[in-house]
């Protein structure tokens, strides 16, 4: 009898794990969907937070650090630009949200060096969405459309 219950327990655990992972992905997807670069209030909040938390590395005008694609002597890549010249718009909203919230270390290979911190406990999810909305509000319409299509996939 004990052996008969074992497959049922394993199956129940597997279902719980899959449901949990799906729920976590759904949470990130919904969190990222609330990013609206046309929402004046969200963009204004994001501009203030960006100035206080992000501009020191990514630049007051979203320009990033000089030579952002060339590693520094310590092995870190400089902060990339978030304007249309950078690569932020190549990523879906879920990724932008997750990297901003959790930092690069969670998503990069173990030997990758980045100064991008986690903002867990520093910014709320709404504040992170506002910063991303602010960044996106500065992109030209064609870049916004391309990034929206990437996010929709």
N, C-alpha and C. Protein backbone atom coordinates (compact mmCIF):
# COMPACT_ATOMS: atom_id res chain seq x y z
N UNK A 1 0.82 -1.19 0.00
CA UNK A 1 0.00 0.00 0.00
C UNK A 1 0.87 1.26 0.00
N UNK A 2 1.94 1.19 0.75
CA UNK A 2 2.81 2.35 0.85
C UNK A 2 3.41 2.70 -0.51
N UNK A 3 3.79 1.68 -1.29
CA UNK A 3 4.36 1.91 -2.62
C UNK A 3 3.32 2.48 -3.57
N UNK A 4 2.06 2.19 -3.39
CA UNK A 4 1.02 2.72 -4.25
C UNK A 4 0.83 4.22 -4.03
N UNK A 5 1.02 4.69 -2.83
CA UNK A 5 0.84 6.11 -2.52
C UNK A 5 2.01 6.95 -3.02
N UNK A 6 3.17 6.35 -3.12
CA UNK A 6 4.37 7.09 -3.50
C UNK A 6 4.21 7.78 -4.87
N UNK A 7 3.74 7.11 -5.93
CA UNK A 7 3.57 7.82 -7.20
C UNK A 7 2.57 8.97 -7.10
N UNK A 8 1.55 8.80 -6.29
CA UNK A 8 0.57 9.87 -6.11
C UNK A 8 1.19 11.08 -5.43
N UNK A 9 2.02 10.83 -4.44
CA UNK A 9 2.70 11.92 -3.73
C UNK A 9 3.66 12.64 -4.69
N UNK A 10 4.41 11.87 -5.45
CA UNK A 10 5.34 12.46 -6.41
C UNK A 10 4.59 13.29 -7.44
N UNK A 11 3.48 12.76 -7.93
CA UNK A 11 2.67 13.50 -8.90
C UNK A 11 2.12 14.78 -8.29
N UNK A 12 1.67 14.72 -7.06
CA UNK A 12 1.12 15.91 -6.40
C UNK A 12 2.20 16.97 -6.21
N UNK A 13 3.39 16.56 -5.84
CA UNK A 13 4.50 17.51 -5.67
C UNK A 13 4.86 18.14 -7.02
N UNK A 14 4.91 17.32 -8.07
CA UNK A 14 5.24 17.84 -9.40
C UNK A 14 4.21 18.86 -9.85
N UNK A 15 2.93 18.59 -9.63
CA UNK A 15 1.88 19.53 -9.99
C UNK A 15 2.03 20.83 -9.20
N UNK A 16 2.34 20.73 -7.92
CA UNK A 16 2.51 21.92 -7.09
C UNK A 16 3.69 22.76 -7.57
N UNK A 17 4.79 22.10 -7.93
CA UNK A 17 5.97 22.83 -8.41
C UNK A 17 5.65 23.55 -9.72
N UNK A 18 5.03 22.85 -10.65
CA UNK A 18 4.69 23.46 -11.94
C UNK A 18 3.72 24.62 -11.74
N UNK A 19 2.73 24.44 -10.88
CA UNK A 19 1.77 25.52 -10.61
C UNK A 19 2.47 26.72 -9.98
N UNK A 20 3.40 26.46 -9.08
CA UNK A 20 4.15 27.56 -8.45
C UNK A 20 5.00 28.32 -9.44
N UNK A 21 5.69 27.59 -10.32
CA UNK A 21 6.49 28.26 -11.34
C UNK A 21 5.61 29.05 -12.30
N UNK A 22 4.51 28.47 -12.69
CA UNK A 22 3.58 29.18 -13.57
C UNK A 22 3.02 30.42 -12.90
N UNK A 23 2.70 30.30 -11.63
CA UNK A 23 2.20 31.46 -10.89
C UNK A 23 3.23 32.56 -10.76
N UNK A 24 4.50 32.17 -10.56
CA UNK A 24 5.57 33.17 -10.48
C UNK A 24 5.77 33.89 -11.80
N UNK A 25 5.73 33.13 -12.90
CA UNK A 25 5.86 33.75 -14.22
C UNK A 25 4.67 34.66 -14.49
N UNK A 26 3.48 34.21 -14.11
CA UNK A 26 2.27 35.03 -14.32
C UNK A 26 2.38 36.33 -13.52
N UNK A 27 2.93 36.25 -12.30
CA UNK A 27 3.12 37.45 -11.49
C UNK A 27 4.04 38.44 -12.21
N UNK A 28 5.18 37.95 -12.72
CA UNK A 28 6.10 38.84 -13.43
C UNK A 28 5.45 39.40 -14.70
N UNK A 29 4.69 38.56 -15.42
CA UNK A 29 4.04 39.02 -16.64
C UNK A 29 3.03 40.12 -16.33
N UNK A 30 2.21 39.92 -15.30
CA UNK A 30 1.22 40.94 -14.94
C UNK A 30 1.90 42.20 -14.42
N UNK A 31 2.97 42.04 -13.66
CA UNK A 31 3.70 43.20 -13.15
C UNK A 31 4.26 44.03 -14.29
N UNK A 32 4.80 43.35 -15.28
CA UNK A 32 5.40 44.06 -16.41
C UNK A 32 4.34 44.69 -17.30
N UNK A 33 3.16 44.08 -17.39
CA UNK A 33 2.11 44.62 -18.25
C UNK A 33 1.62 45.97 -17.75
N UNK A 34 1.78 46.25 -16.49
CA UNK A 34 1.29 47.51 -15.94
C UNK A 34 2.23 48.67 -16.25
N UNK A 35 3.20 48.46 -17.12
CA UNK A 35 4.12 49.51 -17.54
C UNK A 35 3.48 50.26 -18.69
N UNK A 36 3.26 51.57 -18.50
CA UNK A 36 2.57 52.35 -19.52
C UNK A 36 3.29 53.66 -19.77
N UNK A 37 4.11 53.74 -20.83
CA UNK A 37 4.85 54.97 -21.11
C UNK A 37 3.96 56.13 -21.53
N UNK A 38 2.67 55.89 -21.70
CA UNK A 38 1.73 56.97 -22.01
C UNK A 38 0.98 57.46 -20.78
N UNK A 39 1.22 56.83 -19.64
CA UNK A 39 0.58 57.22 -18.38
C UNK A 39 1.40 58.35 -17.75
N UNK A 40 0.88 59.56 -17.82
CA UNK A 40 1.63 60.76 -17.39
C UNK A 40 2.05 60.65 -15.93
N UNK A 41 1.17 60.17 -15.07
CA UNK A 41 1.50 60.07 -13.64
C UNK A 41 2.58 59.02 -13.40
N UNK A 42 2.46 57.87 -14.06
CA UNK A 42 3.46 56.82 -13.89
C UNK A 42 4.82 57.29 -14.41
N UNK A 43 4.84 57.96 -15.54
CA UNK A 43 6.09 58.46 -16.12
C UNK A 43 6.72 59.53 -15.21
N UNK A 44 5.91 60.41 -14.66
CA UNK A 44 6.44 61.45 -13.76
C UNK A 44 7.06 60.83 -12.51
N UNK A 45 6.38 59.84 -11.94
CA UNK A 45 6.94 59.13 -10.79
C UNK A 45 8.25 58.45 -11.18
N UNK A 46 8.24 57.80 -12.33
CA UNK A 46 9.45 57.12 -12.81
C UNK A 46 10.61 58.07 -13.04
N UNK A 47 10.33 59.27 -13.53
CA UNK A 47 11.39 60.26 -13.76
C UNK A 47 12.05 60.64 -12.44
N UNK A 48 11.25 60.84 -11.40
CA UNK A 48 11.81 61.19 -10.09
C UNK A 48 12.66 60.05 -9.52
N UNK A 49 12.15 58.84 -9.63
CA UNK A 49 12.88 57.69 -9.09
C UNK A 49 14.15 57.44 -9.91
N UNK A 50 14.05 57.54 -11.23
CA UNK A 50 15.21 57.36 -12.08
C UNK A 50 16.31 58.36 -11.69
N UNK A 51 15.93 59.62 -11.50
CA UNK A 51 16.91 60.65 -11.12
C UNK A 51 17.59 60.30 -9.80
N UNK A 52 16.83 59.76 -8.86
CA UNK A 52 17.37 59.46 -7.53
C UNK A 52 18.14 58.14 -7.49
N UNK A 53 17.73 57.14 -8.27
CA UNK A 53 18.29 55.80 -8.13
C UNK A 53 19.13 55.31 -9.31
N UNK A 54 18.89 55.83 -10.49
CA UNK A 54 19.47 55.23 -11.70
C UNK A 54 20.44 56.14 -12.45
N UNK A 55 20.19 57.43 -12.40
CA UNK A 55 20.94 58.38 -13.23
C UNK A 55 22.43 58.40 -12.92
N UNK A 56 22.81 58.12 -11.69
CA UNK A 56 24.24 58.17 -11.35
C UNK A 56 25.05 57.16 -12.16
N UNK A 57 24.42 56.06 -12.57
CA UNK A 57 25.13 55.08 -13.41
C UNK A 57 24.71 55.16 -14.88
N UNK A 58 23.40 55.25 -15.11
CA UNK A 58 22.89 55.20 -16.48
C UNK A 58 22.79 56.57 -17.15
N UNK A 59 23.11 57.62 -16.41
CA UNK A 59 23.13 58.96 -16.98
C UNK A 59 21.81 59.69 -16.85
N UNK A 60 21.90 60.99 -16.61
CA UNK A 60 20.72 61.83 -16.44
C UNK A 60 19.84 61.84 -17.68
N UNK A 61 20.45 61.60 -18.84
CA UNK A 61 19.70 61.62 -20.10
C UNK A 61 19.63 60.23 -20.73
N UNK A 62 19.73 59.19 -19.88
CA UNK A 62 19.63 57.79 -20.29
C UNK A 62 20.79 57.35 -21.18
N UNK A 63 21.87 58.11 -21.22
CA UNK A 63 22.96 57.88 -22.16
C UNK A 63 23.92 56.77 -21.75
N UNK A 64 23.87 56.29 -20.53
CA UNK A 64 24.78 55.26 -20.07
C UNK A 64 26.18 55.79 -19.87
N UNK A 65 27.07 54.88 -19.49
CA UNK A 65 28.47 55.25 -19.30
C UNK A 65 29.21 55.18 -20.64
N UNK A 66 30.29 55.97 -20.77
CA UNK A 66 31.10 55.89 -22.00
C UNK A 66 31.63 54.47 -22.20
N UNK A 67 31.80 54.10 -23.45
CA UNK A 67 32.35 52.78 -23.80
C UNK A 67 31.61 51.64 -23.07
N UNK A 68 30.30 51.73 -23.05
CA UNK A 68 29.49 50.80 -22.26
C UNK A 68 29.58 49.35 -22.72
N UNK A 69 30.14 49.10 -23.89
CA UNK A 69 30.28 47.72 -24.36
C UNK A 69 31.68 47.16 -24.13
N UNK A 70 32.55 47.94 -23.50
CA UNK A 70 33.91 47.52 -23.22
C UNK A 70 34.09 47.37 -21.71
N UNK A 71 34.58 46.22 -21.29
CA UNK A 71 34.74 45.94 -19.86
C UNK A 71 35.71 46.92 -19.20
N UNK A 72 35.41 47.25 -17.96
CA UNK A 72 36.29 48.06 -17.12
C UNK A 72 37.44 47.17 -16.64
N UNK A 73 38.50 47.77 -16.08
CA UNK A 73 39.62 46.96 -15.56
C UNK A 73 39.19 45.91 -14.53
N UNK A 74 38.10 46.17 -13.79
CA UNK A 74 37.64 45.20 -12.79
C UNK A 74 36.77 44.09 -13.40
N UNK A 75 36.57 44.12 -14.72
CA UNK A 75 35.81 43.09 -15.40
C UNK A 75 34.33 43.40 -15.60
N UNK A 76 33.84 44.45 -14.97
CA UNK A 76 32.43 44.83 -15.12
C UNK A 76 32.23 45.57 -16.44
N UNK A 77 31.05 45.37 -17.00
CA UNK A 77 30.65 46.21 -18.13
C UNK A 77 30.09 47.51 -17.57
N UNK A 78 30.38 48.64 -18.18
CA UNK A 78 29.79 49.90 -17.74
C UNK A 78 28.26 49.86 -17.89
N UNK A 79 27.60 50.75 -17.20
CA UNK A 79 26.14 50.82 -17.27
C UNK A 79 25.73 51.19 -18.69
N UNK A 80 24.83 50.40 -19.28
CA UNK A 80 24.43 50.67 -20.66
C UNK A 80 23.45 51.84 -20.74
N UNK A 81 23.33 52.42 -21.92
CA UNK A 81 22.32 53.47 -22.10
C UNK A 81 20.93 52.85 -22.13
N UNK A 82 19.96 53.64 -21.73
CA UNK A 82 18.55 53.22 -21.81
C UNK A 82 17.80 54.03 -22.86
N UNK A 83 18.53 54.86 -23.59
CA UNK A 83 17.89 55.58 -24.70
C UNK A 83 17.84 54.63 -25.91
N UNK A 84 17.44 55.13 -27.04
CA UNK A 84 17.28 54.29 -28.23
C UNK A 84 18.60 53.71 -28.73
N UNK A 85 19.75 54.27 -28.31
CA UNK A 85 21.04 53.76 -28.75
C UNK A 85 21.47 52.51 -28.01
N UNK A 86 20.80 52.21 -26.92
CA UNK A 86 21.16 51.05 -26.11
C UNK A 86 20.41 49.80 -26.52
N UNK A 87 20.41 48.82 -25.65
CA UNK A 87 19.75 47.55 -25.97
C UNK A 87 18.56 47.26 -25.06
N UNK A 88 18.21 48.16 -24.18
CA UNK A 88 17.08 47.90 -23.27
C UNK A 88 15.81 47.57 -24.04
N UNK A 89 15.61 48.25 -25.14
CA UNK A 89 14.39 48.05 -25.90
C UNK A 89 14.35 46.71 -26.63
N UNK A 90 15.48 45.99 -26.64
CA UNK A 90 15.52 44.65 -27.24
C UNK A 90 14.93 43.58 -26.31
N UNK A 91 14.59 43.96 -25.11
CA UNK A 91 14.12 43.00 -24.10
C UNK A 91 12.65 43.21 -23.79
N UNK A 92 11.94 42.12 -23.46
CA UNK A 92 10.54 42.25 -23.07
C UNK A 92 10.42 42.91 -21.69
N UNK A 93 9.26 43.46 -21.44
CA UNK A 93 9.01 44.12 -20.15
C UNK A 93 9.27 43.21 -18.96
N UNK A 94 8.93 41.92 -19.08
CA UNK A 94 9.15 41.01 -17.94
C UNK A 94 10.62 40.97 -17.55
N UNK A 95 11.48 40.94 -18.57
CA UNK A 95 12.92 40.89 -18.31
C UNK A 95 13.41 42.21 -17.70
N UNK A 96 12.99 43.33 -18.27
CA UNK A 96 13.39 44.63 -17.73
C UNK A 96 12.95 44.77 -16.27
N UNK A 97 11.74 44.34 -15.98
CA UNK A 97 11.22 44.39 -14.61
C UNK A 97 12.05 43.49 -13.70
N UNK A 98 12.28 42.26 -14.12
CA UNK A 98 12.99 41.30 -13.28
C UNK A 98 14.43 41.72 -13.01
N UNK A 99 15.13 42.21 -14.03
CA UNK A 99 16.53 42.64 -13.84
C UNK A 99 16.59 43.86 -12.93
N UNK A 100 15.64 44.78 -13.10
CA UNK A 100 15.62 45.96 -12.23
C UNK A 100 15.32 45.55 -10.79
N UNK A 101 14.38 44.66 -10.62
CA UNK A 101 14.00 44.25 -9.27
C UNK A 101 15.10 43.42 -8.60
N UNK A 102 15.66 42.43 -9.32
CA UNK A 102 16.55 41.46 -8.70
C UNK A 102 18.03 41.67 -9.00
N UNK A 103 18.37 42.58 -9.92
CA UNK A 103 19.77 42.80 -10.28
C UNK A 103 20.23 41.81 -11.33
N UNK A 104 21.37 42.06 -11.93
CA UNK A 104 21.89 41.21 -13.01
C UNK A 104 22.40 39.87 -12.52
N UNK A 105 22.90 39.80 -11.31
CA UNK A 105 23.52 38.57 -10.83
C UNK A 105 22.59 37.37 -10.94
N UNK A 106 21.31 37.59 -10.79
CA UNK A 106 20.33 36.50 -10.84
C UNK A 106 20.17 35.93 -12.25
N UNK A 107 20.52 36.69 -13.28
CA UNK A 107 20.23 36.30 -14.65
C UNK A 107 21.48 36.06 -15.49
N UNK A 108 22.63 36.40 -14.98
CA UNK A 108 23.88 36.30 -15.74
C UNK A 108 24.63 35.03 -15.35
N UNK A 109 25.56 34.61 -16.20
CA UNK A 109 26.41 33.46 -15.84
C UNK A 109 27.21 33.78 -14.58
N UNK A 110 27.65 32.75 -13.86
CA UNK A 110 28.34 32.97 -12.59
C UNK A 110 29.56 33.88 -12.67
N UNK A 111 30.29 33.87 -13.79
CA UNK A 111 31.50 34.68 -13.89
C UNK A 111 31.24 36.08 -14.44
N UNK A 112 29.99 36.42 -14.71
CA UNK A 112 29.64 37.73 -15.25
C UNK A 112 29.71 38.76 -14.15
N UNK A 113 30.36 39.88 -14.42
CA UNK A 113 30.49 40.94 -13.42
C UNK A 113 29.63 42.12 -13.81
N UNK A 114 28.82 42.58 -12.87
CA UNK A 114 27.94 43.71 -13.11
C UNK A 114 27.74 44.47 -11.80
N UNK A 115 27.64 45.77 -11.93
CA UNK A 115 27.36 46.61 -10.76
C UNK A 115 25.86 46.82 -10.57
N UNK A 116 25.03 46.25 -11.46
CA UNK A 116 23.58 46.44 -11.36
C UNK A 116 23.07 45.77 -10.09
N UNK A 117 22.57 46.58 -9.15
CA UNK A 117 22.11 46.01 -7.87
C UNK A 117 20.68 45.48 -7.96
N UNK A 118 20.30 44.79 -6.93
CA UNK A 118 18.90 44.41 -6.73
C UNK A 118 18.19 45.57 -6.05
N UNK A 119 16.97 45.82 -6.44
CA UNK A 119 16.18 46.87 -5.80
C UNK A 119 15.09 46.31 -4.89
N UNK A 120 15.20 45.02 -4.55
CA UNK A 120 14.28 44.42 -3.59
C UNK A 120 14.45 45.14 -2.26
N UNK A 121 13.36 45.60 -1.70
CA UNK A 121 13.41 46.31 -0.43
C UNK A 121 13.75 47.79 -0.56
N UNK A 122 14.09 48.23 -1.77
CA UNK A 122 14.41 49.63 -2.01
C UNK A 122 13.30 50.29 -2.81
N UNK A 123 12.88 49.63 -3.90
CA UNK A 123 11.78 50.13 -4.73
C UNK A 123 10.63 49.13 -4.71
N UNK A 124 9.44 49.63 -4.72
CA UNK A 124 8.27 48.76 -4.83
C UNK A 124 8.11 48.33 -6.28
N UNK A 125 7.28 47.34 -6.51
CA UNK A 125 7.01 46.91 -7.88
C UNK A 125 6.44 48.06 -8.70
N UNK A 126 5.56 48.84 -8.11
CA UNK A 126 4.97 49.98 -8.82
C UNK A 126 6.04 51.01 -9.18
N UNK A 127 7.00 51.23 -8.30
CA UNK A 127 8.07 52.18 -8.59
C UNK A 127 8.98 51.66 -9.71
N UNK A 128 9.25 50.35 -9.72
CA UNK A 128 10.05 49.77 -10.79
C UNK A 128 9.32 49.92 -12.12
N UNK A 129 8.04 49.63 -12.14
CA UNK A 129 7.26 49.80 -13.37
C UNK A 129 7.28 51.26 -13.82
N UNK A 130 7.22 52.18 -12.88
CA UNK A 130 7.24 53.61 -13.21
C UNK A 130 8.57 54.00 -13.85
N UNK A 131 9.68 53.49 -13.33
CA UNK A 131 10.99 53.79 -13.92
C UNK A 131 11.06 53.26 -15.35
N UNK A 132 10.58 52.06 -15.56
CA UNK A 132 10.61 51.49 -16.92
C UNK A 132 9.69 52.30 -17.84
N UNK A 133 8.54 52.72 -17.34
CA UNK A 133 7.63 53.56 -18.14
C UNK A 133 8.32 54.87 -18.52
N UNK A 134 9.04 55.47 -17.57
CA UNK A 134 9.77 56.70 -17.86
C UNK A 134 10.81 56.47 -18.96
N UNK A 135 11.59 55.41 -18.83
CA UNK A 135 12.60 55.10 -19.84
C UNK A 135 11.94 54.94 -21.20
N UNK A 136 10.88 54.13 -21.26
CA UNK A 136 10.21 53.87 -22.53
C UNK A 136 9.58 55.13 -23.11
N UNK A 137 9.15 56.04 -22.25
CA UNK A 137 8.52 57.27 -22.75
C UNK A 137 9.50 58.14 -23.53
N UNK A 138 10.79 57.88 -23.36
CA UNK A 138 11.83 58.64 -24.06
C UNK A 138 12.24 58.02 -25.38
N UNK A 139 11.74 56.85 -25.69
CA UNK A 139 12.08 56.19 -26.95
C UNK A 139 11.25 56.74 -28.08
N UNK A 140 11.79 56.79 -29.29
CA UNK A 140 11.00 57.21 -30.45
C UNK A 140 9.87 56.19 -30.70
N UNK A 141 8.79 56.63 -31.35
CA UNK A 141 7.64 55.75 -31.57
C UNK A 141 7.98 54.40 -32.21
N UNK A 142 8.89 54.39 -33.18
CA UNK A 142 9.19 53.11 -33.84
C UNK A 142 9.90 52.14 -32.90
N UNK A 143 10.75 52.66 -32.01
CA UNK A 143 11.43 51.80 -31.03
C UNK A 143 10.41 51.31 -30.01
N UNK A 144 9.53 52.17 -29.57
CA UNK A 144 8.48 51.75 -28.62
C UNK A 144 7.62 50.65 -29.23
N UNK A 145 7.29 50.79 -30.49
CA UNK A 145 6.46 49.78 -31.16
C UNK A 145 7.20 48.44 -31.26
N UNK A 146 8.47 48.50 -31.59
CA UNK A 146 9.26 47.28 -31.71
C UNK A 146 9.39 46.58 -30.35
N UNK A 147 9.65 47.37 -29.30
CA UNK A 147 9.77 46.78 -27.96
C UNK A 147 8.42 46.25 -27.49
N UNK A 148 7.34 46.90 -27.79
CA UNK A 148 6.01 46.41 -27.42
C UNK A 148 5.74 45.07 -28.08
N UNK A 149 6.17 44.93 -29.34
CA UNK A 149 5.99 43.65 -30.04
C UNK A 149 6.82 42.55 -29.39
N UNK A 150 8.03 42.88 -28.95
CA UNK A 150 8.88 41.92 -28.25
C UNK A 150 8.20 41.51 -26.95
N UNK A 151 7.64 42.45 -26.23
CA UNK A 151 6.98 42.16 -24.95
C UNK A 151 5.71 41.32 -25.14
N UNK A 152 5.06 41.49 -26.27
CA UNK A 152 3.81 40.78 -26.53
C UNK A 152 4.02 39.30 -26.86
N UNK A 153 5.24 38.94 -27.26
CA UNK A 153 5.51 37.53 -27.64
C UNK A 153 5.47 36.62 -26.46
